[in-house]
Protein backbone atom coordinates (compact mmCIF):
# COMPACT_ATOMS: atom_id res chain seq x y z
CA MET A 1 136.62 120.06 94.03
CA LYS A 2 136.34 119.33 90.32
CA GLY A 3 138.39 116.39 89.11
CA ARG A 4 139.24 113.19 90.93
CA PRO A 5 138.82 113.58 94.69
CA ASN A 6 141.71 112.29 96.79
CA ILE A 7 141.26 110.04 99.80
CA HIS A 8 141.12 113.01 102.17
CA GLN A 9 138.40 114.57 100.06
CA ASP A 10 136.43 111.33 99.75
CA LYS A 11 135.17 111.52 103.35
CA GLU A 12 134.08 115.12 102.86
CA LEU A 13 132.39 114.11 99.61
CA ILE A 14 130.60 111.22 101.37
CA LEU A 15 129.34 113.55 104.10
CA LYS A 16 128.00 115.99 101.50
CA ALA A 17 126.34 113.16 99.60
CA GLN A 18 124.96 111.76 102.84
CA LYS A 19 123.21 115.06 103.52
CA ILE A 20 121.34 114.97 100.20
CA PHE A 21 120.54 111.24 100.53
CA TRP A 22 119.28 111.91 104.06
CA GLU A 23 116.96 114.64 102.85
CA ARG A 24 115.68 112.94 99.69
CA GLY A 25 116.37 109.23 100.04
CA PHE A 26 118.20 107.02 97.58
CA THR A 27 115.58 106.81 94.86
CA ALA A 28 114.78 110.53 94.64
CA THR A 29 118.45 111.59 94.56
CA SER A 30 119.88 111.93 91.07
CA LEU A 31 123.50 111.95 89.96
CA THR A 32 123.02 115.64 89.14
CA ASP A 33 121.85 116.26 92.73
CA LEU A 34 124.97 114.52 94.00
CA SER A 35 127.24 116.49 91.68
CA VAL A 36 125.72 119.78 92.84
CA ALA A 37 125.82 118.80 96.52
CA THR A 38 129.40 117.53 96.45
CA GLY A 39 130.93 119.86 93.89
CA ALA A 40 132.34 116.84 92.03
CA GLY A 41 131.47 116.12 88.42
CA ALA A 42 129.65 112.93 87.47
CA GLY A 43 132.85 111.45 86.02
CA SER A 44 134.75 112.21 89.23
CA LEU A 45 132.04 110.57 91.29
CA TYR A 46 132.18 107.42 89.18
CA ASN A 47 135.99 107.39 89.31
CA ALA A 48 135.91 107.69 93.11
CA PHE A 49 132.97 105.33 93.58
CA LYS A 50 133.01 102.63 90.91
CA GLY A 51 129.60 101.37 92.03
CA GLY A 52 128.10 104.79 91.27
CA LYS A 53 125.22 106.19 93.27
CA LYS A 54 124.62 102.92 95.12
CA GLU A 55 128.22 102.69 96.34
CA LEU A 56 128.14 106.32 97.44
CA PHE A 57 124.91 105.64 99.32
CA LYS A 58 126.45 102.58 101.02
CA LYS A 59 129.42 104.72 102.04
CA SER A 60 126.95 107.23 103.50
CA LEU A 61 125.42 104.45 105.60
CA GLU A 62 128.89 103.27 106.62
CA GLN A 63 129.50 106.76 107.99
CA ARG A 64 126.62 106.13 110.37
CA LYS A 65 128.47 102.99 111.49
CA GLU A 66 131.43 105.22 112.35
CA ASP A 67 129.15 107.40 114.47
CA PHE A 68 127.81 104.21 116.11
CA GLU A 69 131.36 103.15 117.00
CA ASN A 70 132.01 106.54 118.60
CA PHE A 71 128.81 106.19 120.66
CA LYS A 72 129.83 102.65 121.64
CA HIS A 73 133.20 103.90 122.93
CA ALA A 74 131.48 106.70 124.85
CA LEU A 75 129.20 104.12 126.51
CA GLU A 76 132.19 101.94 127.43
CA LYS A 77 133.92 104.89 129.13
CA SER A 78 130.80 106.26 130.82
CA GLY A 79 130.14 105.89 134.52
CA ASP A 80 126.42 106.11 133.69
CA PRO A 81 125.80 104.40 130.34
CA ILE A 82 122.01 104.24 130.89
CA GLY A 83 122.01 107.99 131.50
CA LEU A 84 124.02 108.45 128.30
CA ILE A 85 121.48 106.39 126.32
CA LYS A 86 118.62 108.42 127.83
CA ASN A 87 120.38 111.69 126.97
CA PHE A 88 120.93 110.47 123.41
CA PHE A 89 117.17 110.06 123.00
CA LEU A 90 116.28 113.24 124.93
CA ASN A 91 118.59 115.33 122.75
CA ILE A 92 116.40 114.49 119.76
CA ALA A 93 113.82 116.94 121.12
CA ASN A 94 116.37 119.77 120.84
CA ALA A 95 117.04 119.27 117.12
CA ASP A 96 115.97 121.90 114.63
CA TYR A 97 113.02 121.59 112.28
CA ASN A 98 115.09 120.32 109.33
CA ASP A 99 116.67 117.57 111.43
CA HIS A 100 113.21 116.49 112.58
CA MET A 101 112.01 116.33 108.98
CA LYS A 102 115.05 114.28 107.92
CA GLY A 103 114.59 111.70 110.67
CA CYS A 104 117.18 108.92 110.69
CA ILE A 105 118.91 107.95 107.44
CA VAL A 106 119.14 104.32 108.59
CA ALA A 107 115.45 104.02 109.52
CA ASN A 108 114.54 105.92 106.34
CA THR A 109 116.61 103.47 104.28
CA LEU A 110 114.92 100.48 105.88
CA VAL A 111 111.50 101.83 104.92
CA GLU A 112 112.49 103.03 101.44
CA MET A 113 114.46 99.95 100.39
CA THR A 114 112.30 97.13 101.79
CA PHE A 115 110.76 96.34 98.39
CA VAL A 116 113.33 98.15 96.24
CA ASP A 117 116.87 96.95 97.02
CA GLU A 118 117.52 94.00 99.32
CA ASN A 119 121.22 94.82 99.79
CA LEU A 120 120.62 98.40 100.91
CA LYS A 121 117.77 97.25 103.15
CA GLU A 122 120.10 94.71 104.76
CA GLU A 123 122.75 97.41 105.31
CA ALA A 124 120.18 99.36 107.34
CA VAL A 125 118.99 96.25 109.18
CA GLU A 126 122.58 95.41 110.15
CA ILE A 127 123.16 98.87 111.64
CA LEU A 128 119.92 98.72 113.63
CA LYS A 129 120.65 95.19 114.87
CA GLU A 130 124.18 96.18 115.93
CA THR A 131 122.69 99.10 117.84
CA GLU A 132 120.16 96.75 119.45
CA LYS A 133 122.99 94.40 120.52
CA LEU A 134 124.84 97.33 122.04
CA TYR A 135 121.77 98.46 123.99
CA THR A 136 121.08 94.89 125.12
CA SER A 137 124.66 94.44 126.31
CA VAL A 138 124.68 97.72 128.25
CA ILE A 139 121.29 97.00 129.80
CA GLN A 140 122.31 93.46 130.82
CA GLU A 141 125.50 94.75 132.40
CA GLN A 142 123.64 97.47 134.30
CA GLN A 143 120.98 95.00 135.46
CA ASN A 144 123.73 92.67 136.71
CA LYS A 145 125.31 95.55 138.65
CA GLY A 146 121.95 96.50 140.15
CA ASN A 147 121.97 99.91 138.42
CA LEU A 148 118.77 99.18 136.49
CA LYS A 149 115.67 98.07 138.38
CA SER A 150 113.65 96.91 135.38
CA THR A 151 113.18 93.15 135.45
CA LEU A 152 112.30 92.98 131.78
CA PRO A 153 114.89 90.87 129.92
CA ALA A 154 117.74 92.92 128.43
CA GLU A 155 116.94 91.49 124.96
CA VAL A 156 113.38 92.79 125.20
CA LEU A 157 114.57 96.24 126.31
CA GLY A 158 117.19 96.36 123.54
CA LYS A 159 114.51 95.64 120.92
CA TYR A 160 112.22 98.14 122.62
CA LEU A 161 114.80 100.91 122.20
CA ILE A 162 115.13 100.12 118.48
CA THR A 163 111.33 100.12 118.16
CA PHE A 164 111.23 103.42 120.00
CA TRP A 165 114.00 104.84 117.78
CA CYS A 166 112.14 103.97 114.58
CA GLY A 167 108.88 105.33 116.02
CA ILE A 168 110.35 108.59 117.30
CA ASN A 169 111.72 109.28 113.83
CA SER A 170 108.15 109.32 112.52
CA LEU A 171 106.76 111.19 115.52
CA ARG A 172 109.31 113.99 115.19
CA ARG A 173 107.97 114.66 111.69
CA ILE A 174 104.41 114.86 113.01
CA TYR A 175 105.27 116.96 116.09
CA PRO A 176 108.55 118.77 115.40
CA ASP A 177 108.39 120.76 118.62
CA GLN A 178 110.59 120.38 121.67
CA LYS A 179 107.87 120.21 124.32
CA THR A 180 105.84 117.43 122.70
CA LEU A 181 108.89 115.38 121.80
CA LYS A 182 110.49 115.75 125.21
CA THR A 183 107.28 114.62 126.92
CA GLN A 184 106.94 111.59 124.65
CA ILE A 185 110.60 110.64 124.93
CA GLU A 186 110.56 110.91 128.72
CA LEU A 187 107.44 108.74 128.81
CA GLN A 188 109.04 106.05 126.64
CA LEU A 189 112.28 106.10 128.63
CA GLN A 190 110.49 105.30 131.89
CA VAL A 191 111.05 101.66 130.99
CA LEU A 192 114.75 102.22 131.81
CA HIS A 193 114.35 102.75 135.55
């Protein structure tokens, strides 16, 4: 992959870079790390991503937005969107050790960038707030249909799920075992009854 990546290769390059950013964070990832991980030389990376490491990192976060859109479409098509949300959280328990240690790149970015880079912090905040809006919308719709018994306001439950998401990404590093995580996740999801 030496030389200038083409558009088709750019997505593959972003995914490879995302993996290293996810493991190490923005600050601890060097251009050399990115070159090794992607197989592209430093010059090729700068030709493809004029904003350098920061632009490549932003593109990595944008990839998470793509995954969010896919999840959003799945919820729209689902006959049981609350069940789909619950399964999303429950599947965290089944991840392997490395995935538990990585946590969530968006939540990690929020923590890492809060006093380092306002723009990157805001990128993470935007993704989390969009996810919160999605949860709130689904919950409100399901409450209106009588499919969700909880009388807590949908806005409160949407924020709760984001709080839970950020918390579970720390807990999975403390207890990276399926049984503990499954028990904790099931406990937290009781609010969606």
